[in-house]
Amino acid sequence: MFTKSDLKTNINQIEIPFEGRQLSLYPNPFSEQLTISTSIDKGGIVYVNVYDIMGRLVKTVCDSYLHPGQHEFIWRGRDNIDNTANKGIYLISFIDKQKSETRIVNFIK
């Protein structure tokens, strides 16, 4: 579950550098599709999930083994059963064996 303090991140911040990885979410805000781009140093299972502001899973974007290198994922504003998500704030969660991080995006339809 996420709290209101999770929302204090500036949603216009796009490039998020981390040791061994850089996560980019663009455009933000978005209306048709969000590109989630990352580079990982070590291969392993990667999870990229989209949650609504109440912490409910909306979409599993990635749940698989990825080799080291650059990877890109697209979220088209749809849930796991292909319904269009409501406009609003969403949390993008990226988890691998090195780190986990969550970023905020604004879906404006």
N, C-alpha and C. Protein backbone atom coordinates (compact mmCIF):
# COMPACT_ATOMS: atom_id res chain seq x y z
N MET A 1 0.86 -1.18 0.00
CA MET A 1 0.00 0.00 0.00
C MET A 1 0.90 1.24 0.00
N PHE A 2 0.52 2.22 -0.74
CA PHE A 2 1.27 3.46 -0.81
C PHE A 2 0.56 4.53 0.02
N THR A 3 1.33 5.51 0.48
CA THR A 3 0.78 6.58 1.31
C THR A 3 0.86 7.91 0.58
N LYS A 4 0.23 8.92 1.17
CA LYS A 4 0.28 10.26 0.56
C LYS A 4 1.70 10.78 0.47
N SER A 5 2.59 10.37 1.39
CA SER A 5 3.97 10.85 1.33
C SER A 5 4.67 10.37 0.07
N ASP A 6 4.20 9.25 -0.53
CA ASP A 6 4.77 8.77 -1.79
C ASP A 6 4.52 9.75 -2.92
N LEU A 7 3.53 10.62 -2.79
CA LEU A 7 3.16 11.55 -3.86
C LEU A 7 3.99 12.82 -3.87
N LYS A 8 4.89 12.99 -2.92
CA LYS A 8 5.66 14.23 -2.82
C LYS A 8 6.75 14.31 -3.88
N THR A 9 6.97 13.26 -4.67
CA THR A 9 7.93 13.27 -5.75
C THR A 9 7.41 14.16 -6.88
N ASN A 10 8.28 14.93 -7.47
CA ASN A 10 7.91 15.79 -8.58
C ASN A 10 7.62 14.92 -9.80
N ILE A 11 6.37 14.93 -10.29
CA ILE A 11 6.01 14.06 -11.41
C ILE A 11 6.64 14.50 -12.72
N ASN A 12 7.22 15.69 -12.77
CA ASN A 12 7.87 16.14 -13.99
C ASN A 12 9.32 15.68 -14.07
N GLN A 13 9.83 15.06 -12.99
CA GLN A 13 11.19 14.54 -13.01
C GLN A 13 11.22 13.30 -13.90
N ILE A 14 12.10 13.29 -14.89
CA ILE A 14 12.07 12.22 -15.87
C ILE A 14 13.24 11.26 -15.68
N GLU A 15 14.44 11.73 -15.64
CA GLU A 15 15.61 10.86 -15.53
C GLU A 15 15.93 10.61 -14.06
N ILE A 16 16.01 9.32 -13.69
CA ILE A 16 16.28 8.93 -12.31
C ILE A 16 17.54 8.06 -12.31
N PRO A 17 18.73 8.64 -12.04
CA PRO A 17 19.94 7.82 -12.08
C PRO A 17 20.11 7.01 -10.80
N PHE A 18 20.52 5.76 -10.93
CA PHE A 18 20.85 4.89 -9.82
C PHE A 18 22.11 4.14 -10.17
N GLU A 19 22.88 3.73 -9.17
CA GLU A 19 24.08 2.95 -9.41
C GLU A 19 23.71 1.68 -10.19
N GLY A 20 24.32 1.50 -11.34
CA GLY A 20 24.07 0.31 -12.13
C GLY A 20 22.81 0.36 -12.98
N ARG A 21 22.04 1.41 -12.86
CA ARG A 21 20.80 1.46 -13.65
C ARG A 21 20.31 2.91 -13.74
N GLN A 22 19.69 3.21 -14.84
CA GLN A 22 19.00 4.49 -15.01
C GLN A 22 17.60 4.19 -15.49
N LEU A 23 16.61 4.72 -14.79
CA LEU A 23 15.21 4.49 -15.14
C LEU A 23 14.63 5.77 -15.70
N SER A 24 14.03 5.67 -16.88
CA SER A 24 13.40 6.83 -17.51
C SER A 24 11.94 6.51 -17.79
N LEU A 25 11.07 7.47 -17.48
CA LEU A 25 9.64 7.36 -17.76
C LEU A 25 9.27 8.57 -18.61
N TYR A 26 8.79 8.36 -19.82
CA TYR A 26 8.45 9.49 -20.67
C TYR A 26 7.38 9.13 -21.67
N PRO A 27 6.59 10.07 -22.10
CA PRO A 27 6.46 11.41 -21.52
C PRO A 27 5.70 11.34 -20.19
N ASN A 28 5.86 12.33 -19.41
CA ASN A 28 5.15 12.40 -18.13
C ASN A 28 4.78 13.85 -17.86
N PRO A 29 3.49 14.16 -17.93
CA PRO A 29 2.32 13.29 -18.05
C PRO A 29 2.20 12.69 -19.45
N PHE A 30 1.38 11.62 -19.56
CA PHE A 30 1.18 10.96 -20.84
C PHE A 30 -0.30 10.75 -21.10
N SER A 31 -0.64 10.62 -22.39
CA SER A 31 -2.05 10.44 -22.74
C SER A 31 -2.30 9.15 -23.52
N GLU A 32 -1.34 8.66 -24.26
CA GLU A 32 -1.56 7.45 -25.05
C GLU A 32 -0.68 6.30 -24.62
N GLN A 33 0.61 6.56 -24.44
CA GLN A 33 1.49 5.50 -23.98
C GLN A 33 2.66 6.08 -23.21
N LEU A 34 3.12 5.30 -22.24
CA LEU A 34 4.27 5.66 -21.41
C LEU A 34 5.40 4.71 -21.76
N THR A 35 6.58 5.25 -22.04
CA THR A 35 7.75 4.44 -22.28
C THR A 35 8.55 4.35 -20.99
N ILE A 36 8.84 3.12 -20.59
CA ILE A 36 9.64 2.85 -19.40
C ILE A 36 10.94 2.27 -19.91
N SER A 37 12.03 2.98 -19.71
CA SER A 37 13.32 2.58 -20.25
C SER A 37 14.31 2.41 -19.11
N THR A 38 15.11 1.34 -19.19
CA THR A 38 16.09 1.10 -18.14
C THR A 38 17.29 0.37 -18.71
N SER A 39 18.39 0.49 -18.02
CA SER A 39 19.60 -0.25 -18.33
C SER A 39 20.00 -1.01 -17.07
N ILE A 40 20.24 -2.31 -17.20
CA ILE A 40 20.64 -3.10 -16.04
C ILE A 40 22.00 -3.73 -16.28
N ASP A 41 22.80 -3.81 -15.20
CA ASP A 41 24.15 -4.37 -15.29
C ASP A 41 24.18 -5.88 -15.18
N LYS A 42 23.27 -6.45 -14.39
CA LYS A 42 23.27 -7.89 -14.14
C LYS A 42 21.94 -8.49 -14.55
N GLY A 43 21.99 -9.62 -15.22
CA GLY A 43 20.77 -10.30 -15.63
C GLY A 43 20.01 -10.85 -14.43
N GLY A 44 18.72 -11.00 -14.59
CA GLY A 44 17.89 -11.56 -13.53
C GLY A 44 16.42 -11.29 -13.78
N ILE A 45 15.62 -11.78 -12.86
CA ILE A 45 14.18 -11.56 -12.95
C ILE A 45 13.89 -10.08 -12.68
N VAL A 46 13.07 -9.49 -13.53
CA VAL A 46 12.68 -8.08 -13.40
C VAL A 46 11.17 -8.01 -13.36
N TYR A 47 10.68 -7.19 -12.45
CA TYR A 47 9.24 -6.94 -12.33
C TYR A 47 9.00 -5.46 -12.56
N VAL A 48 8.13 -5.15 -13.49
CA VAL A 48 7.68 -3.78 -13.71
C VAL A 48 6.16 -3.83 -13.61
N ASN A 49 5.63 -3.13 -12.61
CA ASN A 49 4.19 -3.14 -12.36
C ASN A 49 3.66 -1.72 -12.27
N VAL A 50 2.39 -1.57 -12.61
CA VAL A 50 1.69 -0.30 -12.49
C VAL A 50 0.64 -0.46 -11.41
N TYR A 51 0.62 0.47 -10.46
CA TYR A 51 -0.36 0.47 -9.37
C TYR A 51 -1.16 1.75 -9.40
N ASP A 52 -2.42 1.67 -8.98
CA ASP A 52 -3.19 2.91 -8.83
C ASP A 52 -2.80 3.57 -7.51
N ILE A 53 -3.36 4.72 -7.25
CA ILE A 53 -2.97 5.51 -6.09
C ILE A 53 -3.34 4.82 -4.77
N MET A 54 -4.25 3.84 -4.83
CA MET A 54 -4.63 3.08 -3.63
C MET A 54 -3.73 1.85 -3.44
N GLY A 55 -2.76 1.66 -4.32
CA GLY A 55 -1.83 0.55 -4.19
C GLY A 55 -2.31 -0.74 -4.83
N ARG A 56 -3.38 -0.67 -5.62
CA ARG A 56 -3.90 -1.87 -6.29
C ARG A 56 -3.17 -2.07 -7.62
N LEU A 57 -2.82 -3.33 -7.89
CA LEU A 57 -2.15 -3.65 -9.14
C LEU A 57 -3.08 -3.37 -10.31
N VAL A 58 -2.59 -2.61 -11.27
CA VAL A 58 -3.34 -2.29 -12.49
C VAL A 58 -2.82 -3.11 -13.66
N LYS A 59 -1.51 -3.13 -13.82
CA LYS A 59 -0.91 -3.79 -14.98
C LYS A 59 0.46 -4.37 -14.64
N THR A 60 0.69 -5.60 -15.03
CA THR A 60 2.01 -6.19 -14.97
C THR A 60 2.65 -5.97 -16.34
N VAL A 61 3.67 -5.14 -16.38
CA VAL A 61 4.32 -4.79 -17.63
C VAL A 61 5.44 -5.78 -17.95
N CYS A 62 6.14 -6.24 -16.92
CA CYS A 62 7.21 -7.21 -17.10
C CYS A 62 7.30 -8.10 -15.87
N ASP A 63 7.47 -9.39 -16.09
CA ASP A 63 7.69 -10.37 -15.03
C ASP A 63 8.50 -11.50 -15.66
N SER A 64 9.78 -11.21 -15.95
CA SER A 64 10.58 -12.19 -16.67
C SER A 64 12.07 -11.94 -16.46
N TYR A 65 12.87 -12.89 -16.90
CA TYR A 65 14.32 -12.78 -16.85
C TYR A 65 14.77 -11.84 -17.97
N LEU A 66 15.63 -10.88 -17.61
CA LEU A 66 16.22 -9.99 -18.60
C LEU A 66 17.73 -10.09 -18.53
N HIS A 67 18.37 -10.08 -19.68
CA HIS A 67 19.83 -10.07 -19.76
C HIS A 67 20.33 -8.65 -19.50
N PRO A 68 21.59 -8.49 -19.13
CA PRO A 68 22.15 -7.15 -18.95
C PRO A 68 21.99 -6.33 -20.23
N GLY A 69 21.80 -5.04 -20.06
CA GLY A 69 21.68 -4.15 -21.21
C GLY A 69 20.51 -3.21 -21.10
N GLN A 70 20.19 -2.57 -22.20
CA GLN A 70 19.11 -1.59 -22.28
C GLN A 70 17.79 -2.30 -22.57
N HIS A 71 16.73 -1.92 -21.85
CA HIS A 71 15.41 -2.52 -22.04
C HIS A 71 14.36 -1.42 -22.05
N GLU A 72 13.32 -1.62 -22.84
CA GLU A 72 12.25 -0.63 -22.95
C GLU A 72 10.91 -1.36 -22.88
N PHE A 73 9.99 -0.77 -22.13
CA PHE A 73 8.64 -1.32 -21.96
C PHE A 73 7.65 -0.20 -22.28
N ILE A 74 6.49 -0.59 -22.75
CA ILE A 74 5.44 0.37 -23.07
C ILE A 74 4.21 0.04 -22.24
N TRP A 75 3.66 1.07 -21.58
CA TRP A 75 2.35 0.93 -20.93
C TRP A 75 1.40 1.84 -21.67
N ARG A 76 0.33 1.28 -22.21
CA ARG A 76 -0.63 2.04 -23.02
C ARG A 76 -1.86 2.48 -22.24
N GLY A 77 -1.74 2.55 -20.92
CA GLY A 77 -2.86 3.02 -20.12
C GLY A 77 -3.99 2.02 -20.01
N ARG A 78 -3.64 0.73 -20.07
CA ARG A 78 -4.65 -0.33 -19.96
C ARG A 78 -4.29 -1.25 -18.81
N ASP A 79 -5.32 -1.89 -18.24
CA ASP A 79 -5.09 -2.80 -17.12
C ASP A 79 -4.80 -4.21 -17.62
N ASN A 80 -4.69 -5.15 -16.69
CA ASN A 80 -4.35 -6.53 -17.06
C ASN A 80 -5.42 -7.24 -17.88
N ILE A 81 -6.66 -6.73 -17.88
CA ILE A 81 -7.70 -7.35 -18.70
C ILE A 81 -8.08 -6.45 -19.89
N ASP A 82 -7.18 -5.52 -20.20
CA ASP A 82 -7.25 -4.65 -21.38
C ASP A 82 -8.32 -3.56 -21.32
N ASN A 83 -8.79 -3.23 -20.13
CA ASN A 83 -9.67 -2.07 -19.98
C ASN A 83 -8.82 -0.81 -19.90
N THR A 84 -9.31 0.29 -20.44
CA THR A 84 -8.61 1.56 -20.33
C THR A 84 -8.63 2.03 -18.89
N ALA A 85 -7.47 2.39 -18.37
CA ALA A 85 -7.36 2.89 -17.00
C ALA A 85 -7.98 4.28 -16.91
N ASN A 86 -8.40 4.65 -15.72
CA ASN A 86 -8.92 5.99 -15.47
C ASN A 86 -7.78 7.00 -15.50
N LYS A 87 -8.08 8.23 -15.87
CA LYS A 87 -7.04 9.25 -15.81
C LYS A 87 -6.67 9.47 -14.36
N GLY A 88 -5.42 9.87 -14.13
CA GLY A 88 -4.97 10.14 -12.76
C GLY A 88 -3.52 9.73 -12.54
N ILE A 89 -3.16 9.66 -11.28
CA ILE A 89 -1.80 9.35 -10.85
C ILE A 89 -1.63 7.84 -10.73
N TYR A 90 -0.51 7.34 -11.26
CA TYR A 90 -0.17 5.92 -11.15
C TYR A 90 1.26 5.77 -10.67
N LEU A 91 1.53 4.66 -10.04
CA LEU A 91 2.86 4.36 -9.52
C LEU A 91 3.48 3.26 -10.36
N ILE A 92 4.67 3.53 -10.86
CA ILE A 92 5.40 2.54 -11.66
C ILE A 92 6.47 1.93 -10.74
N SER A 93 6.38 0.63 -10.53
CA SER A 93 7.30 -0.07 -9.64
C SER A 93 8.25 -0.91 -10.48
N PHE A 94 9.55 -0.74 -10.23
CA PHE A 94 10.58 -1.50 -10.92
C PHE A 94 11.37 -2.26 -9.86
N ILE A 95 11.43 -3.59 -9.99
CA ILE A 95 12.14 -4.41 -9.01
C ILE A 95 13.04 -5.38 -9.75
N ASP A 96 14.32 -5.40 -9.36
CA ASP A 96 15.23 -6.44 -9.80
C ASP A 96 16.03 -6.89 -8.59
N LYS A 97 17.02 -7.77 -8.79
CA LYS A 97 17.72 -8.31 -7.63
C LYS A 97 18.65 -7.29 -6.97
N GLN A 98 18.92 -6.17 -7.63
CA GLN A 98 19.79 -5.16 -7.06
C GLN A 98 19.02 -4.11 -6.25
N LYS A 99 17.90 -3.64 -6.79
CA LYS A 99 17.17 -2.53 -6.15
C LYS A 99 15.71 -2.58 -6.54
N SER A 100 14.95 -1.81 -5.80
CA SER A 100 13.56 -1.56 -6.21
C SER A 100 13.33 -0.07 -6.13
N GLU A 101 12.48 0.41 -6.99
CA GLU A 101 12.16 1.83 -6.98
C GLU A 101 10.75 2.04 -7.53
N THR A 102 10.14 3.10 -7.09
CA THR A 102 8.79 3.43 -7.51
C THR A 102 8.77 4.89 -7.94
N ARG A 103 8.16 5.15 -9.08
CA ARG A 103 8.04 6.50 -9.61
C ARG A 103 6.58 6.80 -9.91
N ILE A 104 6.26 8.08 -9.92
CA ILE A 104 4.90 8.54 -10.13
C ILE A 104 4.74 9.08 -11.55
N VAL A 105 3.62 8.70 -12.20
CA VAL A 105 3.29 9.24 -13.51
C VAL A 105 1.84 9.72 -13.51
N ASN A 106 1.56 10.61 -14.44
CA ASN A 106 0.22 11.18 -14.55
C ASN A 106 -0.37 10.78 -15.91
N PHE A 107 -1.45 9.98 -15.86
CA PHE A 107 -2.15 9.54 -17.07
C PHE A 107 -3.28 10.53 -17.31
N ILE A 108 -3.19 11.29 -18.39
CA ILE A 108 -4.18 12.35 -18.64
C ILE A 108 -5.19 11.99 -19.73
N LYS A 109 -5.11 10.82 -20.32
CA LYS A 109 -6.02 10.34 -21.38
C LYS A 109 -6.14 11.37 -22.45
